[in-house]
Amino acid sequence: MAIPPPSPGRMNRFAIEILDAARENAEPAPIDPNPAVRLALAWLAHNGVAEAWQVEQFWKCITTPPGEHRMDPYCRSRDMNICVNRWTTVATGKR
């Protein structure tokens, strides 16, 4: 049985799943993004699901530690969640 070629919508879902896992892994501490994270971000940007500033913000959040202010860990976590939720909304077309 052959695997059917993936549709753009299916690829969007795969990319969002990868980024959601990266978000979870980066929650306690910054991560060193693997090629799958880079590809997922590039795919969503290429397809207009993610805007350039969102990609930059997500990248910054997953790769750098929070600052010294007591609210920084919360803000970092919030920003990562906002990006993933927004991309999910845009990719599915549901509001």
C-alpha atoms as a PDB file:
ATOM      1  CA  MET A   1       0.000   0.000   0.000  1.00  0.00           C
ATOM      2  CA  ALA A   2       1.462   3.325  -1.058  1.00  0.00           C
ATOM      3  CA  ILE A   3       1.364   6.363   1.154  1.00  0.00           C
ATOM      4  CA  PRO A   4      -0.605   9.144  -0.553  1.00  0.00           C
ATOM      5  CA  PRO A   5       1.220  12.412  -1.139  1.00  0.00           C
ATOM      6  CA  PRO A   6       0.552  14.894   1.644  1.00  0.00           C
ATOM      7  CA  SER A   7      -1.715  17.848   1.007  1.00  0.00           C
ATOM      8  CA  PRO A   8      -0.697  21.355   2.104  1.00  0.00           C
ATOM      9  CA  GLY A   9      -3.301  21.174   4.875  1.00  0.00           C
ATOM     10  CA  ARG A  10      -1.868  17.918   6.151  1.00  0.00           C
ATOM     11  CA  MET A  11       1.660  19.345   6.011  1.00  0.00           C
ATOM     12  CA  ASN A  12       0.447  22.379   7.980  1.00  0.00           C
ATOM     13  CA  ARG A  13      -0.884  20.043  10.678  1.00  0.00           C
ATOM     14  CA  PHE A  14       2.413  18.136  10.785  1.00  0.00           C
ATOM     15  CA  ALA A  15       4.362  21.393  11.092  1.00  0.00           C
ATOM     16  CA  ILE A  16       2.130  22.658  13.896  1.00  0.00           C
ATOM     17  CA  GLU A  17       2.490  19.343  15.760  1.00  0.00           C
ATOM     18  CA  ILE A  18       6.281  19.652  15.538  1.00  0.00           C
ATOM     19  CA  LEU A  19       6.192  23.234  16.797  1.00  0.00           C
ATOM     20  CA  ASP A  20       3.780  22.386  19.591  1.00  0.00           C
ATOM     21  CA  ALA A  21       6.192  19.676  20.766  1.00  0.00           C
ATOM     22  CA  ALA A  22       9.055  22.185  20.563  1.00  0.00           C
ATOM     23  CA  ARG A  23       6.989  24.603  22.650  1.00  0.00           C
ATOM     24  CA  GLU A  24       6.457  21.939  25.307  1.00  0.00           C
ATOM     25  CA  ASN A  25      10.147  21.018  25.345  1.00  0.00           C
ATOM     26  CA  ALA A  26      11.206  24.680  25.564  1.00  0.00           C
ATOM     27  CA  GLU A  27       8.811  25.477  28.410  1.00  0.00           C
ATOM     28  CA  PRO A  28      11.252  24.679  31.250  1.00  0.00           C
ATOM     29  CA  ALA A  29      14.391  25.847  29.419  1.00  0.00           C
ATOM     30  CA  PRO A  30      15.554  26.918  25.947  1.00  0.00           C
ATOM     31  CA  ILE A  31      16.166  24.198  23.396  1.00  0.00           C
ATOM     32  CA  ASP A  32      18.564  23.739  20.516  1.00  0.00           C
ATOM     33  CA  PRO A  33      16.090  23.491  17.622  1.00  0.00           C
ATOM     34  CA  ASN A  34      16.446  20.450  15.414  1.00  0.00           C
ATOM     35  CA  PRO A  35      16.032  20.470  11.616  1.00  0.00           C
ATOM     36  CA  ALA A  36      12.352  19.493  11.949  1.00  0.00           C
ATOM     37  CA  VAL A  37      11.611  22.713  13.876  1.00  0.00           C
ATOM     38  CA  ARG A  38      13.435  24.782  11.268  1.00  0.00           C
ATOM     39  CA  LEU A  39      11.580  23.064   8.444  1.00  0.00           C
ATOM     40  CA  ALA A  40       8.203  23.441  10.188  1.00  0.00           C
ATOM     41  CA  LEU A  41       8.716  27.178  10.679  1.00  0.00           C
ATOM     42  CA  ALA A  42       9.877  27.605   7.082  1.00  0.00           C
ATOM     43  CA  TRP A  43       6.895  25.618   5.784  1.00  0.00           C
ATOM     44  CA  LEU A  44       4.330  27.676   7.715  1.00  0.00           C
ATOM     45  CA  ALA A  45       5.973  30.941   6.645  1.00  0.00           C
ATOM     46  CA  HIS A  46       6.134  29.808   3.013  1.00  0.00           C
ATOM     47  CA  ASN A  47       2.433  28.943   3.018  1.00  0.00           C
ATOM     48  CA  GLY A  48       1.329  32.181   4.655  1.00  0.00           C
ATOM     49  CA  VAL A  49       0.204  30.498   7.874  1.00  0.00           C
ATOM     50  CA  ALA A  50       2.929  32.198   9.918  1.00  0.00           C
ATOM     51  CA  GLU A  51       4.072  35.767   9.472  1.00  0.00           C
ATOM     52  CA  ALA A  52       7.783  36.579   9.607  1.00  0.00           C
ATOM     53  CA  TRP A  53       7.525  38.411  12.931  1.00  0.00           C
ATOM     54  CA  GLN A  54       5.717  35.428  14.480  1.00  0.00           C
ATOM     55  CA  VAL A  55       8.447  33.063  13.317  1.00  0.00           C
ATOM     56  CA  GLU A  56      11.092  35.363  14.785  1.00  0.00           C
ATOM     57  CA  GLN A  57       9.211  35.666  18.082  1.00  0.00           C
ATOM     58  CA  PHE A  58       8.699  31.904  18.388  1.00  0.00           C
ATOM     59  CA  TRP A  59      12.351  31.254  17.534  1.00  0.00           C
ATOM     60  CA  LYS A  60      13.478  33.753  20.166  1.00  0.00           C
ATOM     61  CA  CYS A  61      11.216  32.163  22.777  1.00  0.00           C
ATOM     62  CA  ILE A  62      12.351  28.593  22.228  1.00  0.00           C
ATOM     63  CA  THR A  63      16.076  29.389  21.970  1.00  0.00           C
ATOM     64  CA  THR A  64      16.675  32.012  24.672  1.00  0.00           C
ATOM     65  CA  PRO A  65      16.061  31.895  28.421  1.00  0.00           C
ATOM     66  CA  PRO A  66      13.601  34.293  30.018  1.00  0.00           C
ATOM     67  CA  GLY A  67      14.954  37.535  31.413  1.00  0.00           C
ATOM     68  CA  GLU A  68      15.404  38.424  35.057  1.00  0.00           C
ATOM     69  CA  HIS A  69      11.994  40.004  35.651  1.00  0.00           C
ATOM     70  CA  ARG A  70       9.643  37.724  37.587  1.00  0.00           C
ATOM     71  CA  MET A  71       7.031  37.899  34.809  1.00  0.00           C
ATOM     72  CA  ASP A  72       9.440  36.914  32.016  1.00  0.00           C
ATOM     73  CA  PRO A  73       8.867  33.129  32.275  1.00  0.00           C
ATOM     74  CA  TYR A  74       5.109  33.690  32.047  1.00  0.00           C
ATOM     75  CA  CYS A  75       5.453  36.068  29.085  1.00  0.00           C
ATOM     76  CA  ARG A  76       7.764  33.649  27.262  1.00  0.00           C
ATOM     77  CA  SER A  77       5.322  30.787  27.753  1.00  0.00           C
ATOM     78  CA  ARG A  78       2.384  32.964  26.744  1.00  0.00           C
ATOM     79  CA  ASP A  79       4.109  34.107  23.553  1.00  0.00           C
ATOM     80  CA  MET A  80       4.894  30.533  22.497  1.00  0.00           C
ATOM     81  CA  ASN A  81       1.267  29.512  23.110  1.00  0.00           C
ATOM     82  CA  ILE A  82      -0.077  32.494  21.186  1.00  0.00           C
ATOM     83  CA  CYS A  83       2.014  31.588  18.138  1.00  0.00           C
ATOM     84  CA  VAL A  84       0.974  27.923  18.087  1.00  0.00           C
ATOM     85  CA  ASN A  85      -2.689  28.762  18.691  1.00  0.00           C
ATOM     86  CA  ARG A  86      -2.676  31.432  15.983  1.00  0.00           C
ATOM     87  CA  TRP A  87      -1.070  29.118  13.436  1.00  0.00           C
ATOM     88  CA  THR A  88      -3.582  26.413  14.262  1.00  0.00           C
ATOM     89  CA  THR A  89      -6.427  28.858  13.737  1.00  0.00           C
ATOM     90  CA  VAL A  90      -5.048  30.153  10.436  1.00  0.00           C
ATOM     91  CA  ALA A  91      -4.207  26.673   9.137  1.00  0.00           C
ATOM     92  CA  THR A  92      -7.666  25.263   9.899  1.00  0.00           C
ATOM     93  CA  GLY A  93      -9.583  28.367   8.869  1.00  0.00           C
ATOM     94  CA  LYS A  94     -11.613  28.230  12.088  1.00  0.00           C
ATOM     95  CA  ARG A  95     -12.064  31.170  14.391  1.00  0.00           C
END
